[in-house]
Amino acid sequence: MARKQPGNSQGLSPAALRAKRARDKAAAMTTKRKKRKAENQRIGQRSDSDLHHTPGGSITRTTTAYNRATHTRGEVG
């Protein structure tokens, strides 16, 4: 495993890191993601919450404390 460092916090090998960055960029550039990002900008982000697009198409605002504490809910392996 590669050493963890800024920009490679998962300790990926150089080849795996390049592949992951390519996958992440491809996902971010899809039409669906572009529409969601534009909508979030129109709504406006706040420092105390995160916006989520639900499967039904609505948008919910979740507190950052809840949204980023996934380890307390057993969502992280």
N, C-alpha and C. Protein backbone atom coordinates (compact mmCIF):
# COMPACT_ATOMS: atom_id res chain seq x y z
N MET A 1 0.84 -1.18 0.00
CA MET A 1 0.00 0.00 0.00
C MET A 1 0.89 1.24 0.00
N ALA A 2 0.51 2.20 -0.80
CA ALA A 2 1.27 3.45 -0.87
C ALA A 2 1.07 4.26 0.42
N ARG A 3 1.99 5.12 0.67
CA ARG A 3 1.90 5.96 1.86
C ARG A 3 0.77 6.97 1.72
N LYS A 4 0.00 7.16 2.78
CA LYS A 4 -1.08 8.15 2.75
C LYS A 4 -0.48 9.54 2.78
N GLN A 5 -1.00 10.40 1.91
CA GLN A 5 -0.51 11.76 1.83
C GLN A 5 -1.62 12.64 1.24
N PRO A 6 -1.49 13.95 1.30
CA PRO A 6 -2.52 14.81 0.74
C PRO A 6 -2.77 14.47 -0.73
N GLY A 7 -4.02 14.32 -1.09
CA GLY A 7 -4.37 13.97 -2.46
C GLY A 7 -4.40 12.47 -2.70
N ASN A 8 -3.96 11.70 -1.70
CA ASN A 8 -3.97 10.26 -1.82
C ASN A 8 -4.23 9.66 -0.43
N SER A 9 -5.29 10.13 0.20
CA SER A 9 -5.57 9.74 1.58
C SER A 9 -5.95 8.28 1.73
N GLN A 10 -6.31 7.61 0.63
CA GLN A 10 -6.64 6.19 0.71
C GLN A 10 -5.42 5.30 0.53
N GLY A 11 -4.27 5.90 0.25
CA GLY A 11 -3.04 5.14 0.10
C GLY A 11 -3.02 4.29 -1.15
N LEU A 12 -3.61 4.79 -2.24
CA LEU A 12 -3.66 4.03 -3.49
C LEU A 12 -2.32 4.06 -4.21
N SER A 13 -2.11 3.05 -5.03
CA SER A 13 -0.91 3.04 -5.86
C SER A 13 -1.06 4.14 -6.91
N PRO A 14 0.04 4.60 -7.51
CA PRO A 14 -0.07 5.65 -8.52
C PRO A 14 -1.02 5.29 -9.67
N ALA A 15 -0.98 4.04 -10.13
CA ALA A 15 -1.86 3.63 -11.23
C ALA A 15 -3.32 3.64 -10.79
N ALA A 16 -3.59 3.14 -9.58
CA ALA A 16 -4.96 3.11 -9.06
C ALA A 16 -5.48 4.53 -8.83
N LEU A 17 -4.61 5.41 -8.37
CA LEU A 17 -5.01 6.79 -8.13
C LEU A 17 -5.37 7.49 -9.44
N ARG A 18 -4.59 7.27 -10.49
CA ARG A 18 -4.93 7.85 -11.80
C ARG A 18 -6.27 7.33 -12.30
N ALA A 19 -6.50 6.03 -12.15
CA ALA A 19 -7.77 5.43 -12.60
C ALA A 19 -8.94 5.99 -11.81
N LYS A 20 -8.77 6.14 -10.49
CA LYS A 20 -9.84 6.68 -9.65
C LYS A 20 -10.16 8.11 -10.03
N ARG A 21 -9.13 8.91 -10.24
CA ARG A 21 -9.37 10.31 -10.63
C ARG A 21 -10.08 10.39 -11.98
N ALA A 22 -9.75 9.51 -12.91
CA ALA A 22 -10.43 9.49 -14.21
C ALA A 22 -11.89 9.10 -14.04
N ARG A 23 -12.17 8.09 -13.20
CA ARG A 23 -13.57 7.68 -12.95
C ARG A 23 -14.35 8.80 -12.28
N ASP A 24 -13.74 9.43 -11.28
CA ASP A 24 -14.42 10.51 -10.55
C ASP A 24 -14.74 11.68 -11.48
N LYS A 25 -13.80 12.03 -12.35
CA LYS A 25 -14.03 13.14 -13.26
C LYS A 25 -15.13 12.79 -14.26
N ALA A 26 -15.11 11.57 -14.78
CA ALA A 26 -16.15 11.14 -15.73
C ALA A 26 -17.52 11.20 -15.08
N ALA A 27 -17.62 10.78 -13.82
CA ALA A 27 -18.91 10.82 -13.11
C ALA A 27 -19.36 12.26 -12.87
N ALA A 28 -18.43 13.14 -12.56
CA ALA A 28 -18.77 14.54 -12.28
C ALA A 28 -19.20 15.30 -13.54
N MET A 29 -18.79 14.82 -14.70
CA MET A 29 -19.09 15.54 -15.94
C MET A 29 -20.34 15.02 -16.65
N THR A 30 -21.07 14.08 -16.05
CA THR A 30 -22.30 13.59 -16.69
C THR A 30 -23.35 14.69 -16.67
N THR A 31 -24.30 14.60 -17.57
CA THR A 31 -25.38 15.59 -17.66
C THR A 31 -26.15 15.67 -16.35
N LYS A 32 -26.44 14.52 -15.75
CA LYS A 32 -27.19 14.48 -14.50
C LYS A 32 -26.45 15.23 -13.39
N ARG A 33 -25.15 14.98 -13.24
CA ARG A 33 -24.37 15.65 -12.19
C ARG A 33 -24.27 17.15 -12.46
N LYS A 34 -24.11 17.54 -13.72
CA LYS A 34 -24.03 18.97 -14.04
C LYS A 34 -25.32 19.68 -13.67
N LYS A 35 -26.47 19.04 -13.94
CA LYS A 35 -27.75 19.64 -13.59
C LYS A 35 -27.89 19.79 -12.08
N ARG A 36 -27.48 18.77 -11.35
CA ARG A 36 -27.59 18.82 -9.89
C ARG A 36 -26.66 19.88 -9.30
N LYS A 37 -25.46 20.00 -9.83
CA LYS A 37 -24.53 21.01 -9.33
C LYS A 37 -25.07 22.41 -9.58
N ALA A 38 -25.64 22.64 -10.76
CA ALA A 38 -26.21 23.95 -11.09
C ALA A 38 -27.38 24.27 -10.17
N GLU A 39 -28.21 23.27 -9.90
CA GLU A 39 -29.36 23.48 -9.01
C GLU A 39 -28.89 23.81 -7.60
N ASN A 40 -27.88 23.12 -7.11
CA ASN A 40 -27.35 23.41 -5.78
C ASN A 40 -26.80 24.83 -5.71
N GLN A 41 -26.17 25.30 -6.77
CA GLN A 41 -25.64 26.67 -6.77
C GLN A 41 -26.78 27.68 -6.72
N ARG A 42 -27.89 27.40 -7.43
CA ARG A 42 -29.04 28.31 -7.40
C ARG A 42 -29.64 28.39 -6.01
N ILE A 43 -29.72 27.23 -5.34
CA ILE A 43 -30.31 27.18 -3.99
C ILE A 43 -29.38 27.85 -2.99
N GLY A 44 -28.11 27.58 -3.11
CA GLY A 44 -27.13 28.18 -2.21
C GLY A 44 -26.73 27.23 -1.10
N GLN A 45 -25.45 27.03 -0.94
CA GLN A 45 -24.93 26.16 0.10
C GLN A 45 -24.71 26.97 1.37
N ARG A 46 -24.84 26.31 2.51
CA ARG A 46 -24.57 26.95 3.80
C ARG A 46 -23.48 26.15 4.51
N SER A 47 -22.80 26.80 5.42
CA SER A 47 -21.69 26.13 6.10
C SER A 47 -22.17 25.11 7.11
N ASP A 48 -23.44 25.17 7.52
CA ASP A 48 -23.94 24.25 8.55
C ASP A 48 -24.74 23.08 7.99
N SER A 49 -24.86 22.98 6.65
CA SER A 49 -25.67 21.91 6.09
C SER A 49 -25.19 21.52 4.69
N ASP A 50 -25.65 20.33 4.26
CA ASP A 50 -25.35 19.82 2.92
C ASP A 50 -26.67 19.58 2.20
N LEU A 51 -26.68 19.76 0.89
CA LEU A 51 -27.87 19.51 0.09
C LEU A 51 -27.81 18.11 -0.49
N HIS A 52 -28.98 17.44 -0.52
CA HIS A 52 -29.06 16.09 -1.08
C HIS A 52 -30.23 16.02 -2.05
N HIS A 53 -30.00 15.39 -3.20
CA HIS A 53 -31.06 15.12 -4.15
C HIS A 53 -31.62 13.74 -3.82
N THR A 54 -32.90 13.67 -3.53
CA THR A 54 -33.52 12.40 -3.19
C THR A 54 -33.91 11.66 -4.47
N PRO A 55 -34.13 10.34 -4.39
CA PRO A 55 -34.54 9.59 -5.58
C PRO A 55 -35.83 10.13 -6.21
N GLY A 56 -36.70 10.73 -5.39
CA GLY A 56 -37.94 11.29 -5.91
C GLY A 56 -37.76 12.61 -6.65
N GLY A 57 -36.57 13.19 -6.59
CA GLY A 57 -36.30 14.42 -7.30
C GLY A 57 -36.29 15.67 -6.44
N SER A 58 -36.72 15.55 -5.18
CA SER A 58 -36.70 16.73 -4.32
C SER A 58 -35.31 16.90 -3.71
N ILE A 59 -35.12 18.03 -3.07
CA ILE A 59 -33.84 18.32 -2.44
C ILE A 59 -34.06 18.50 -0.95
N THR A 60 -33.22 17.86 -0.15
CA THR A 60 -33.31 18.01 1.30
C THR A 60 -32.01 18.60 1.81
N ARG A 61 -32.11 19.31 2.90
CA ARG A 61 -30.94 19.90 3.55
C ARG A 61 -30.66 19.09 4.81
N THR A 62 -29.43 18.58 4.93
CA THR A 62 -29.02 17.75 6.05
C THR A 62 -27.90 18.45 6.78
N THR A 63 -27.92 18.39 8.11
CA THR A 63 -26.85 19.04 8.86
C THR A 63 -25.53 18.35 8.57
N THR A 64 -24.46 19.13 8.57
CA THR A 64 -23.14 18.55 8.30
C THR A 64 -22.75 17.58 9.41
N ALA A 65 -23.16 17.86 10.64
CA ALA A 65 -22.83 16.97 11.76
C ALA A 65 -23.39 15.57 11.51
N TYR A 66 -24.63 15.48 11.05
CA TYR A 66 -25.23 14.17 10.76
C TYR A 66 -24.64 13.57 9.49
N ASN A 67 -24.54 14.36 8.46
CA ASN A 67 -24.12 13.86 7.16
C ASN A 67 -22.70 13.32 7.15
N ARG A 68 -21.82 13.91 7.91
CA ARG A 68 -20.41 13.53 7.87
C ARG A 68 -20.00 12.59 8.99
N ALA A 69 -20.93 12.17 9.84
CA ALA A 69 -20.62 11.27 10.94
C ALA A 69 -21.12 9.87 10.62
N THR A 70 -20.85 9.40 9.40
CA THR A 70 -21.35 8.10 8.97
C THR A 70 -20.78 6.96 9.79
N HIS A 71 -19.62 7.14 10.38
CA HIS A 71 -19.02 6.06 11.19
C HIS A 71 -19.87 5.75 12.42
N THR A 72 -20.60 6.73 12.92
CA THR A 72 -21.44 6.49 14.11
C THR A 72 -22.69 5.70 13.77
N ARG A 73 -23.03 5.61 12.49
CA ARG A 73 -24.22 4.85 12.05
C ARG A 73 -23.83 3.52 11.41
N GLY A 74 -22.55 3.17 11.46
CA GLY A 74 -22.10 1.90 10.91
C GLY A 74 -22.10 1.87 9.39
N GLU A 75 -22.01 3.02 8.74
CA GLU A 75 -22.03 3.08 7.27
C GLU A 75 -20.64 2.98 6.67
N VAL A 76 -19.61 3.02 7.50
CA VAL A 76 -18.24 2.93 7.00
C VAL A 76 -17.67 1.60 7.46
N GLY A 77 -17.04 0.89 6.53
CA GLY A 77 -16.52 -0.45 6.85
C GLY A 77 -15.28 -0.47 7.66
